[in-house]
Amino acid sequence: MLNKKEKIGTLYIVGTPIGNLDDITIRAINILKQVDVILAEDTRHTLKLLNHFEISKHLISYHRHNEDEKIKKVIEFLDNGKDLALVSDAGMPIISDPGQNLVKYLVENNYKIEVVPGVTAFVTAIVKSGIDSTRFTFEGFLSINKKQRKERLHSLEKETRTMIFYEAPHKILATLKDMYEYFGNRKICIARELTKVHEEFNYTNIKDAILDIQLNGIKGEIVLVISGLDDKNKKNTDDKEEINMNSVLLVKRYMANGDTKKDAIKKVAKLKGVNKNEIYKECLDI
């Protein structure tokens, strides 16, 4: 049963574009025009969106580091009959973004909440990934703590559903190397800068993605779609251990598979993220 106060405000959870501003809904625009206050993850970012649609509203910073202290202020607005909109920098609020604690409190205390749906990056990514979308698990961002990240990946080692992760460009290489350690060489799709000018979908596997990023780098916001465990991609022990394998033995393996010594050294250097001269010195006796 809803709060019985005569004039109670409503919190609108409003989805915003993840890149292309044309992806905003008509309803979202109307709600942003109607509310009294907008809670924004980054007021500067949201201001650009509002200016684009010629909307002028009072903005309040509402992010991960001030969420709990701002809940009291939100309640004051609602109790005084003010309507508020909660937006994140991109996509649906609360999905790997602030707002969970606020919504939990409002639900438990019978306040009015309405959701204004919008685009989400992980759905956009899996739809175009070509990887099984009948059953999937959204894992969001992995921990920046290496031990916790590895523990989480270890727990997902035998996950048969497609897995979806968010990742930042400066962390993607470490994440992929950890995934290679626990998942083996799975089929993946790296979706980058979704709906933006430089949108890119890279259909590859974990091993080739590591080599490509070491060689060319990567920029922008990233969604990783990774195939679940099945009979076709069960980890091969040799493949799983390749990154940590002795450099000389790895060069010999590549040469046995047809690579020249020079090409084998270059591949190993890229895989391990070291200068090729270091590998060359180790392999003088080959």
Protein backbone atom coordinates (compact mmCIF):
# COMPACT_ATOMS: atom_id res chain seq x y z
CA MET A 1 0.00 0.00 0.00
CA LEU A 2 1.37 3.41 -0.97
CA ASN A 3 2.28 6.10 1.51
CA LYS A 4 -0.92 7.78 2.77
CA LYS A 5 0.43 11.31 2.84
CA GLU A 6 -1.79 13.56 0.75
CA LYS A 7 1.04 15.10 -1.23
CA ILE A 8 3.78 12.61 -1.81
CA GLY A 9 6.30 12.98 -4.58
CA THR A 10 7.35 10.27 -7.00
CA LEU A 11 10.84 9.09 -7.87
CA TYR A 12 11.21 8.33 -11.57
CA ILE A 13 14.08 6.03 -12.54
CA VAL A 14 14.86 7.26 -16.04
CA GLY A 15 16.89 5.44 -18.66
CA THR A 16 19.07 7.70 -20.81
CA PRO A 17 21.08 7.05 -24.02
CA ILE A 18 24.32 5.08 -23.83
CA GLY A 19 25.79 7.08 -26.70
CA ASN A 20 23.47 8.16 -29.49
CA LEU A 21 21.18 10.84 -28.03
CA ASP A 22 18.39 9.84 -30.44
CA ASP A 23 17.93 6.66 -28.39
CA ILE A 24 16.16 8.54 -25.59
CA THR A 25 12.42 7.84 -25.37
CA ILE A 26 9.66 10.43 -25.72
CA ARG A 27 8.44 9.47 -22.25
CA ALA A 28 11.89 10.03 -20.76
CA ILE A 29 12.05 13.53 -22.26
CA ASN A 30 8.58 14.37 -20.93
CA ILE A 31 9.42 13.12 -17.43
CA LEU A 32 12.67 15.08 -17.32
CA LYS A 33 10.71 18.18 -18.29
CA GLN A 34 8.04 17.58 -15.63
CA VAL A 35 10.02 16.68 -12.52
CA ASP A 36 11.16 19.27 -10.00
CA VAL A 37 14.65 17.90 -9.40
CA ILE A 38 17.02 15.56 -11.26
CA LEU A 39 19.48 13.37 -9.37
CA ALA A 40 22.49 12.94 -11.64
CA GLU A 41 25.53 10.70 -11.34
CA ASP A 42 27.60 13.45 -12.99
CA THR A 43 25.80 16.79 -13.25
CA ARG A 44 28.13 18.00 -16.02
CA HIS A 45 27.36 14.97 -18.15
CA THR A 46 23.61 15.20 -17.56
CA LEU A 47 23.63 18.93 -18.28
CA LYS A 48 24.83 18.21 -21.82
CA LEU A 49 21.87 15.86 -22.32
CA LEU A 50 19.40 18.38 -20.93
CA ASN A 51 20.81 21.21 -23.01
CA HIS A 52 20.48 19.08 -26.14
CA PHE A 53 16.74 18.71 -25.49
CA GLU A 54 16.37 22.27 -24.16
CA ILE A 55 15.45 21.17 -20.65
CA SER A 56 16.30 23.36 -17.66
CA LYS A 57 16.12 21.71 -14.22
CA HIS A 58 17.66 21.81 -10.78
CA LEU A 59 20.40 19.17 -10.71
CA ILE A 60 21.72 17.42 -7.61
CA SER A 61 24.88 15.31 -7.65
CA TYR A 62 24.00 11.75 -6.69
CA HIS A 63 26.86 9.27 -7.06
CA ARG A 64 28.42 6.23 -5.45
CA HIS A 65 30.36 8.22 -2.85
CA ASN A 66 27.52 10.39 -1.55
CA GLU A 67 24.52 8.10 -2.11
CA ASP A 68 23.76 7.29 1.51
CA GLU A 69 24.05 10.88 2.75
CA LYS A 70 21.78 12.15 -0.05
CA ILE A 71 18.91 9.73 0.72
CA LYS A 72 17.71 11.98 3.57
CA LYS A 73 17.58 14.96 1.20
CA VAL A 74 15.63 12.94 -1.37
CA ILE A 75 13.08 11.96 1.27
CA GLU A 76 12.61 15.62 2.21
CA PHE A 77 11.83 16.47 -1.40
CA LEU A 78 9.37 13.58 -1.73
CA ASP A 79 7.63 14.38 1.56
CA ASN A 80 7.12 17.93 0.31
CA GLY A 81 5.39 16.69 -2.82
CA LYS A 82 8.34 17.15 -5.17
CA ASP A 83 8.86 14.74 -8.05
CA LEU A 84 12.41 13.61 -8.77
CA ALA A 85 14.16 11.81 -11.61
CA LEU A 86 17.18 9.59 -11.08
CA VAL A 87 19.55 9.32 -14.04
CA SER A 88 23.00 7.84 -14.52
CA ASP A 89 25.62 8.95 -17.02
CA ALA A 90 24.39 6.39 -19.54
CA GLY A 91 21.76 3.68 -19.72
CA MET A 92 19.53 2.48 -16.90
CA PRO A 93 20.31 3.74 -13.39
CA ILE A 94 21.22 1.12 -10.77
CA ILE A 95 22.62 -1.33 -13.38
CA SER A 96 26.28 -1.05 -12.29
CA ASP A 97 25.42 2.53 -11.30
CA PRO A 98 24.25 4.33 -8.11
CA GLY A 99 20.69 4.17 -6.81
CA GLN A 100 20.25 0.69 -5.34
CA ASN A 101 20.26 1.85 -1.71
CA LEU A 102 17.80 4.66 -2.45
CA VAL A 103 15.31 2.40 -4.22
CA LYS A 104 15.61 -0.21 -1.47
CA TYR A 105 14.77 2.41 1.15
CA LEU A 106 11.82 3.80 -0.83
CA VAL A 107 10.38 0.33 -1.45
CA GLU A 108 10.65 -0.58 2.24
CA ASN A 109 8.95 2.69 3.25
CA ASN A 110 6.14 2.67 0.67
CA TYR A 111 7.20 5.64 -1.45
CA LYS A 112 6.10 6.00 -5.06
CA ILE A 113 8.53 4.79 -7.71
CA GLU A 114 8.12 4.61 -11.48
CA VAL A 115 10.58 3.21 -13.98
CA VAL A 116 10.98 4.88 -17.37
CA PRO A 117 12.81 2.17 -19.38
CA GLY A 118 15.72 2.91 -21.65
CA VAL A 119 18.63 1.25 -23.41
CA THR A 120 21.20 -0.84 -21.56
CA ALA A 121 24.69 -1.58 -22.81
CA PHE A 122 24.75 -5.27 -21.91
CA VAL A 123 21.53 -6.04 -23.79
CA THR A 124 22.72 -4.07 -26.81
CA ALA A 125 26.00 -6.02 -26.77
CA ILE A 126 24.60 -9.54 -26.49
CA VAL A 127 22.00 -8.95 -29.20
CA LYS A 128 24.76 -8.32 -31.77
CA SER A 129 27.38 -10.65 -30.29
CA GLY A 130 26.25 -13.77 -32.12
CA ILE A 131 26.79 -15.67 -28.86
CA ASP A 132 23.92 -17.64 -27.29
CA SER A 133 21.42 -15.20 -25.75
CA THR A 134 18.80 -17.71 -24.59
CA ARG A 135 20.36 -17.85 -21.13
CA PHE A 136 22.98 -15.45 -19.81
CA THR A 137 24.35 -13.96 -16.61
CA PHE A 138 25.24 -10.29 -16.21
CA GLU A 139 28.33 -9.91 -14.03
CA GLY A 140 28.92 -6.16 -14.34
CA PHE A 141 32.37 -4.90 -13.31
CA LEU A 142 34.86 -7.29 -11.75
CA SER A 143 36.68 -6.17 -8.62
CA ILE A 144 39.82 -4.09 -9.09
CA ASN A 145 41.35 -6.22 -6.33
CA LYS A 146 43.31 -8.96 -8.11
CA LYS A 147 42.60 -11.63 -5.50
CA GLN A 148 38.86 -10.92 -5.46
CA ARG A 149 38.75 -10.77 -9.26
CA LYS A 150 40.39 -14.17 -9.55
CA GLU A 151 38.11 -15.66 -6.91
CA ARG A 152 35.07 -14.45 -8.86
CA LEU A 153 36.37 -15.84 -12.15
CA HIS A 154 37.20 -19.13 -10.48
CA SER A 155 33.58 -19.36 -9.28
CA LEU A 156 32.43 -18.87 -12.89
CA GLU A 157 34.79 -21.45 -14.37
CA LYS A 158 32.00 -23.97 -15.01
CA GLU A 159 29.26 -21.45 -15.85
CA THR A 160 27.39 -22.78 -18.89
CA ARG A 161 25.43 -19.60 -19.58
CA THR A 162 26.81 -16.75 -21.66
CA MET A 163 28.56 -14.24 -19.38
CA ILE A 164 28.53 -10.46 -19.78
CA PHE A 165 31.01 -8.11 -18.12
CA TYR A 166 31.68 -4.37 -18.15
CA GLU A 167 35.32 -3.30 -18.23
CA ALA A 168 37.48 -0.19 -18.52
CA PRO A 169 40.17 0.02 -21.23
CA HIS A 170 43.04 0.38 -18.76
CA LYS A 171 42.00 -2.87 -17.01
CA ILE A 172 40.87 -4.98 -19.95
CA LEU A 173 44.25 -6.66 -20.59
CA ALA A 174 44.66 -7.86 -16.99
CA THR A 175 41.05 -9.04 -16.99
CA LEU A 176 41.43 -11.01 -20.23
CA LYS A 177 44.62 -12.67 -18.97
CA ASP A 178 42.81 -13.75 -15.79
CA MET A 179 39.88 -14.99 -17.87
CA TYR A 180 42.27 -16.97 -20.06
CA GLU A 181 43.68 -18.57 -16.94
CA TYR A 182 40.26 -19.72 -15.70
CA PHE A 183 38.15 -20.04 -18.85
CA GLY A 184 40.69 -21.13 -21.44
CA ASN A 185 40.42 -19.83 -24.99
CA ARG A 186 36.67 -19.10 -25.15
CA LYS A 187 34.83 -17.41 -27.99
CA ILE A 188 34.13 -13.78 -27.05
CA CYS A 189 32.74 -10.56 -28.44
CA ILE A 190 34.29 -7.24 -27.40
CA ALA A 191 31.69 -4.50 -27.88
CA ARG A 192 33.17 -1.02 -27.68
CA GLU A 193 31.68 2.50 -27.69
CA LEU A 194 28.14 1.23 -28.25
CA THR A 195 25.83 3.44 -30.37
CA LYS A 196 28.61 6.04 -30.69
CA VAL A 197 30.50 7.17 -33.79
CA HIS A 198 33.35 4.71 -33.20
CA GLU A 199 31.20 1.71 -32.22
CA GLU A 200 33.04 -1.55 -32.79
CA PHE A 201 32.25 -5.25 -32.35
CA ASN A 202 35.27 -7.56 -32.32
CA TYR A 203 34.29 -11.22 -32.75
CA THR A 204 37.29 -13.16 -31.54
CA ASN A 205 38.60 -15.41 -28.77
CA ILE A 206 40.35 -14.58 -25.51
CA LYS A 207 43.83 -15.48 -26.70
CA ASP A 208 43.65 -13.45 -29.92
CA ALA A 209 42.07 -10.54 -28.05
CA ILE A 210 45.04 -10.42 -25.66
CA LEU A 211 47.50 -10.38 -28.54
CA ASP A 212 45.53 -7.71 -30.42
CA ILE A 213 45.20 -5.37 -27.42
CA GLN A 214 48.88 -5.77 -26.55
CA LEU A 215 49.74 -4.79 -30.11
CA ASN A 216 47.14 -2.11 -30.84
CA GLY A 217 45.70 -1.04 -27.48
CA ILE A 218 42.02 -0.30 -26.97
CA LYS A 219 39.93 2.74 -26.05
CA GLY A 220 36.40 3.49 -24.93
CA GLU A 221 33.77 1.82 -22.78
CA ILE A 222 33.77 -1.94 -23.16
CA VAL A 223 31.23 -4.76 -22.85
CA LEU A 224 32.63 -8.31 -22.89
CA VAL A 225 30.33 -11.14 -24.01
CA ILE A 226 31.86 -14.56 -23.29
CA SER A 227 30.52 -17.96 -24.29
CA GLY A 228 29.65 -20.34 -21.48
CA LEU A 229 31.32 -23.70 -20.91
CA ASP A 230 30.24 -26.48 -23.25
CA ASP A 231 31.74 -29.59 -24.83
CA LYS A 232 33.30 -27.52 -27.62
CA ASN A 233 35.26 -25.10 -25.44
CA LYS A 234 36.30 -27.10 -22.39
CA LYS A 235 39.67 -25.88 -21.28
CA ASN A 236 42.76 -27.50 -22.70
CA THR A 237 45.43 -27.71 -20.00
CA ASP A 238 48.24 -26.65 -22.32
CA ASP A 239 46.18 -23.76 -23.69
CA LYS A 240 45.21 -22.58 -20.21
CA GLU A 241 48.81 -22.49 -18.99
CA GLU A 242 50.35 -20.93 -22.10
CA ILE A 243 50.62 -17.39 -20.73
CA ASN A 244 52.56 -18.63 -17.68
CA MET A 245 54.57 -21.17 -19.65
CA ASN A 246 58.39 -20.98 -19.90
CA SER A 247 59.23 -18.64 -22.77
CA VAL A 248 61.77 -20.99 -24.39
CA LEU A 249 59.36 -23.91 -24.38
CA LEU A 250 56.60 -21.70 -25.76
CA VAL A 251 58.83 -20.48 -28.61
CA LYS A 252 59.67 -24.12 -29.42
CA ARG A 253 55.95 -24.96 -29.43
CA TYR A 254 55.18 -22.19 -31.92
CA MET A 255 58.11 -23.25 -34.09
CA ALA A 256 56.90 -26.85 -34.04
CA ASN A 257 53.57 -25.56 -35.33
CA GLY A 258 55.25 -23.93 -38.34
CA ASP A 259 56.34 -20.46 -37.13
CA THR A 260 59.84 -19.17 -37.83
CA LYS A 261 61.97 -18.49 -34.77
CA LYS A 262 61.57 -14.74 -35.33
CA ASP A 263 57.77 -14.95 -35.55
CA ALA A 264 57.59 -17.30 -32.56
CA ILE A 265 59.64 -14.90 -30.42
CA LYS A 266 57.45 -11.99 -31.49
CA LYS A 267 54.27 -13.90 -30.54
CA VAL A 268 55.61 -14.89 -27.14
CA ALA A 269 56.72 -11.33 -26.41
CA LYS A 270 53.24 -10.01 -27.25
CA LEU A 271 51.54 -12.72 -25.20
CA LYS A 272 53.63 -12.03 -22.13
CA GLY A 273 53.68 -8.26 -22.59
CA VAL A 274 57.49 -7.94 -22.67
CA ASN A 275 60.06 -6.61 -25.13
CA LYS A 276 60.89 -9.17 -27.84
CA ASN A 277 64.62 -8.68 -27.12
CA GLU A 278 64.11 -10.24 -23.70
CA ILE A 279 62.65 -13.36 -25.27
CA TYR A 280 65.35 -13.37 -27.96
CA LYS A 281 68.09 -13.46 -25.30
CA GLU A 282 66.43 -16.43 -23.63
CA CYS A 283 66.24 -18.28 -26.92
CA LEU A 284 69.81 -17.86 -28.24
CA ASP A 285 70.46 -21.62 -27.98
CA ILE A 286 67.44 -22.58 -30.11
